[in-house]
């Protein structure tokens, strides 16, 4: 349907799935009492409640990120081909839901690198991430190629021009150093619990 209720239903269902994934991940990381308390805080969070009612990508990004975290943590228990495929698909969904989730595998890799007991998984993880990065790389290269235009009007020289308006139509075309810490804050604390 086209009603407000019909449009918001998918976000509500994805929000409910995110609560379940939060509990499953929490139970895998901590004891069940901590997982229940954390899930209660998560489910009653104004952030989660608000975005579970919005017709936007944010709750999908949160659910797919939790799914990727859950499947990554599950690799610790079972490191078979099915688990790696599930992890790869979860990563692909997370990156497709929100481009900044491309940093999620980096966090997973750093965990494997710093955990001596998990270093034997590092090679398989690299292969999985490389396979996941192929579709993302194709998409990103097409996106970049649409923003760069080559003018071959003169026979001897080619002019290269980048159209920043094609990258983002509402952002200013100037850069200032205070943008960096704010961007890091927005993508780390702004979209997390």
Protein backbone atom coordinates (compact mmCIF):
# COMPACT_ATOMS: atom_id res chain seq x y z
CA UNK A 1 0.00 0.00 0.00
CA UNK A 2 0.85 3.65 -0.06
CA UNK A 3 -0.35 4.55 3.43
CA UNK A 4 1.97 5.79 6.13
CA UNK A 5 1.51 2.55 8.09
CA UNK A 6 2.34 0.36 5.10
CA UNK A 7 5.51 2.30 4.34
CA UNK A 8 6.75 2.09 7.93
CA UNK A 9 6.04 -1.62 8.40
CA UNK A 10 9.27 -2.79 6.80
CA UNK A 11 11.32 -0.52 9.08
CA UNK A 12 9.46 -1.84 12.13
CA UNK A 13 10.16 -5.44 11.10
CA UNK A 14 13.82 -4.68 10.46
CA UNK A 15 13.97 -2.91 13.84
CA UNK A 16 12.56 -6.01 15.54
CA UNK A 17 15.14 -8.12 13.71
CA UNK A 18 17.87 -5.72 14.92
CA UNK A 19 16.75 -6.24 18.53
CA UNK A 20 16.95 -10.02 18.05
CA UNK A 21 20.38 -9.75 16.45
CA UNK A 22 21.55 -7.48 19.26
CA UNK A 23 20.52 -10.10 21.83
CA UNK A 24 22.10 -12.96 19.87
CA UNK A 25 25.37 -11.07 19.49
CA UNK A 26 25.30 -9.96 23.12
CA UNK A 27 24.63 -13.51 24.33
CA UNK A 28 27.57 -14.72 22.26
CA UNK A 29 29.89 -12.04 23.65
CA UNK A 30 28.73 -11.91 27.28
CA UNK A 31 26.64 -13.89 29.70
CA UNK A 32 22.89 -13.99 29.14
CA UNK A 33 22.01 -11.60 31.97
CA UNK A 34 24.24 -8.91 30.46
CA UNK A 35 22.80 -9.65 27.01
CA UNK A 36 19.22 -9.29 28.31
CA UNK A 37 20.00 -5.99 30.04
CA UNK A 38 21.84 -4.65 27.00
CA UNK A 39 18.98 -5.71 24.72
CA UNK A 40 16.50 -3.94 27.00
CA UNK A 41 18.57 -0.75 26.75
CA UNK A 42 18.89 -1.20 22.99
CA UNK A 43 15.17 -1.87 22.45
CA UNK A 44 14.13 1.14 24.52
CA UNK A 45 16.73 3.43 23.00
CA UNK A 46 15.08 6.51 21.47
CA UNK A 47 17.49 6.18 18.55
CA UNK A 48 16.30 2.65 17.71
CA UNK A 49 12.63 3.44 18.32
CA UNK A 50 12.77 6.56 16.17
CA UNK A 51 14.54 4.95 13.23
CA UNK A 52 12.38 1.82 13.44
CA UNK A 53 9.48 4.09 12.50
CA UNK A 54 11.25 6.06 9.79
CA UNK A 55 11.21 5.09 6.13
CA UNK A 56 14.97 5.45 5.87
CA UNK A 57 18.08 3.31 5.61
CA UNK A 58 19.39 3.75 9.16
CA UNK A 59 17.64 0.82 10.84
CA UNK A 60 18.60 -1.39 7.88
CA UNK A 61 22.21 -0.29 8.29
CA UNK A 62 22.06 -1.10 11.99
CA UNK A 63 20.49 -4.54 11.43
CA UNK A 64 22.94 -5.53 8.69
CA UNK A 65 25.88 -4.36 10.81
CA UNK A 66 24.64 -6.46 13.71
CA UNK A 67 24.21 -9.41 11.34
CA UNK A 68 27.79 -9.00 10.13
CA UNK A 69 29.04 -8.80 13.72
CA UNK A 70 27.03 -11.88 14.69
CA UNK A 71 28.28 -13.93 11.74
CA UNK A 72 31.85 -12.80 12.35
CA UNK A 73 31.62 -13.84 15.98
CA UNK A 74 30.05 -17.13 14.93
CA UNK A 75 33.17 -17.88 12.87
CA UNK A 76 34.92 -18.35 16.21
CA UNK A 77 32.69 -21.34 16.92
CA UNK A 78 32.47 -22.83 13.43
CA UNK A 79 34.94 -21.98 10.72
CA UNK A 80 33.45 -24.04 7.90
CA UNK A 81 32.60 -22.95 4.36
CA UNK A 82 28.93 -22.24 5.18
CA UNK A 83 29.94 -19.90 8.01
CA UNK A 84 32.36 -18.03 5.75
CA UNK A 85 29.70 -17.70 3.04
CA UNK A 86 27.21 -16.39 5.60
CA UNK A 87 29.76 -13.89 6.86
CA UNK A 88 30.58 -12.75 3.32
CA UNK A 89 26.90 -12.28 2.45
CA UNK A 90 26.32 -10.41 5.73
CA UNK A 91 29.26 -8.11 4.96
CA UNK A 92 27.98 -7.50 1.45
CA UNK A 93 24.53 -6.62 2.82
CA UNK A 94 26.03 -4.31 5.44
CA UNK A 95 28.11 -2.44 2.86
CA UNK A 96 25.17 -2.24 0.46
CA UNK A 97 22.96 -0.85 3.23
CA UNK A 98 25.43 1.91 4.12
CA UNK A 99 28.73 2.65 2.40
CA UNK A 100 30.50 3.60 5.66
CA UNK A 101 30.12 -0.05 6.72
CA UNK A 102 33.08 -0.69 4.45
CA UNK A 103 35.13 0.01 7.60
CA UNK A 104 33.49 -2.91 9.44
CA UNK A 105 35.76 -5.56 7.90
CA UNK A 106 38.72 -3.40 8.87
CA UNK A 107 37.67 -3.67 12.53
CA UNK A 108 37.27 -7.42 12.11
CA UNK A 109 40.72 -7.69 10.56
CA UNK A 110 42.31 -5.69 13.37
CA UNK A 111 40.64 -8.00 15.89
CA UNK A 112 42.07 -11.05 14.12
CA UNK A 113 45.49 -9.43 13.85
CA UNK A 114 45.66 -8.52 17.53
CA UNK A 115 44.25 -11.81 18.77
CA UNK A 116 47.07 -14.38 18.69
CA UNK A 117 44.64 -17.32 18.95
CA UNK A 118 42.70 -16.07 15.91
CA UNK A 119 45.58 -15.30 13.55
CA UNK A 120 45.15 -18.59 11.70
CA UNK A 121 41.79 -17.23 10.44
CA UNK A 122 43.47 -14.14 8.96
CA UNK A 123 44.22 -15.73 5.58
CA UNK A 124 40.66 -16.98 5.10
CA UNK A 125 39.34 -13.62 6.26
CA UNK A 126 41.48 -11.80 3.66
CA UNK A 127 40.13 -14.02 0.87
CA UNK A 128 36.56 -13.44 2.07
CA UNK A 129 37.00 -9.67 2.27
CA UNK A 130 38.65 -9.55 -1.15
CA UNK A 131 35.71 -11.45 -2.66
CA UNK A 132 33.24 -9.13 -0.92
CA UNK A 133 35.17 -6.06 -2.08
CA UNK A 134 34.86 -7.00 -5.77
CA UNK A 135 31.19 -5.93 -6.12
CA UNK A 136 31.85 -2.88 -3.95
CA UNK A 137 34.89 -1.98 -6.05
CA UNK A 138 32.91 -2.29 -9.28
CA UNK A 139 30.16 -0.06 -7.86
CA UNK A 140 32.66 2.50 -6.50
CA UNK A 141 34.61 2.66 -9.76
CA UNK A 142 31.41 3.25 -11.72
CA UNK A 143 30.39 5.97 -9.27
CA UNK A 144 33.77 7.69 -9.60
CA UNK A 145 33.83 7.33 -13.38
CA UNK A 146 30.52 9.19 -13.59
CA UNK A 147 32.04 12.14 -11.74
CA UNK A 148 35.13 12.44 -13.94
CA UNK A 149 34.72 13.67 -17.48
CA UNK A 150 37.40 13.57 -20.14
CA UNK A 151 37.12 16.18 -22.87
CA UNK A 152 38.85 15.02 -26.03
CA UNK A 153 37.90 18.03 -28.14
CA UNK A 154 41.49 18.87 -29.01
CA UNK A 155 43.56 16.30 -30.82
CA UNK A 156 46.77 16.69 -28.83
CA UNK A 157 45.48 17.32 -25.28
CA UNK A 158 42.82 15.82 -23.12
CA UNK A 159 41.21 17.90 -20.42
CA UNK A 160 40.20 16.16 -17.21
CA UNK A 161 37.53 17.73 -15.07
CA UNK A 162 35.94 16.53 -11.86
CA UNK A 163 32.38 17.62 -11.26
CA UNK A 164 31.91 17.83 -7.47
CA UNK A 165 28.24 18.63 -7.96
CA UNK A 166 27.75 15.10 -9.24
CA UNK A 167 29.27 13.72 -6.05
CA UNK A 168 26.99 15.63 -3.71
CA UNK A 169 24.60 18.30 -4.86
CA UNK A 170 23.97 19.92 -1.48
CA UNK A 171 27.45 19.90 0.08
CA UNK A 172 29.75 22.86 -0.15
CA UNK A 173 32.66 22.48 -2.52
CA UNK A 174 35.18 23.62 0.06
CA UNK A 175 37.11 21.58 2.57
CA UNK A 176 38.09 22.63 6.06
CA UNK A 177 40.10 20.61 8.64
CA UNK A 178 37.32 20.68 11.30
CA UNK A 179 35.27 18.49 8.93
CA UNK A 180 37.47 15.47 9.65
CA UNK A 181 36.82 15.03 13.40
CA UNK A 182 33.13 15.82 12.91
CA UNK A 183 32.84 13.22 10.14
CA UNK A 184 34.60 10.63 12.29
CA UNK A 185 32.24 11.45 15.17
CA UNK A 186 29.15 11.26 12.98
CA UNK A 187 30.08 7.86 11.56
CA UNK A 188 31.29 6.36 14.84
CA UNK A 189 29.25 7.76 17.72
CA UNK A 190 26.43 9.27 15.73
CA UNK A 191 25.27 5.94 14.26
CA UNK A 192 26.16 3.67 17.17
CA UNK A 193 25.01 2.93 20.70
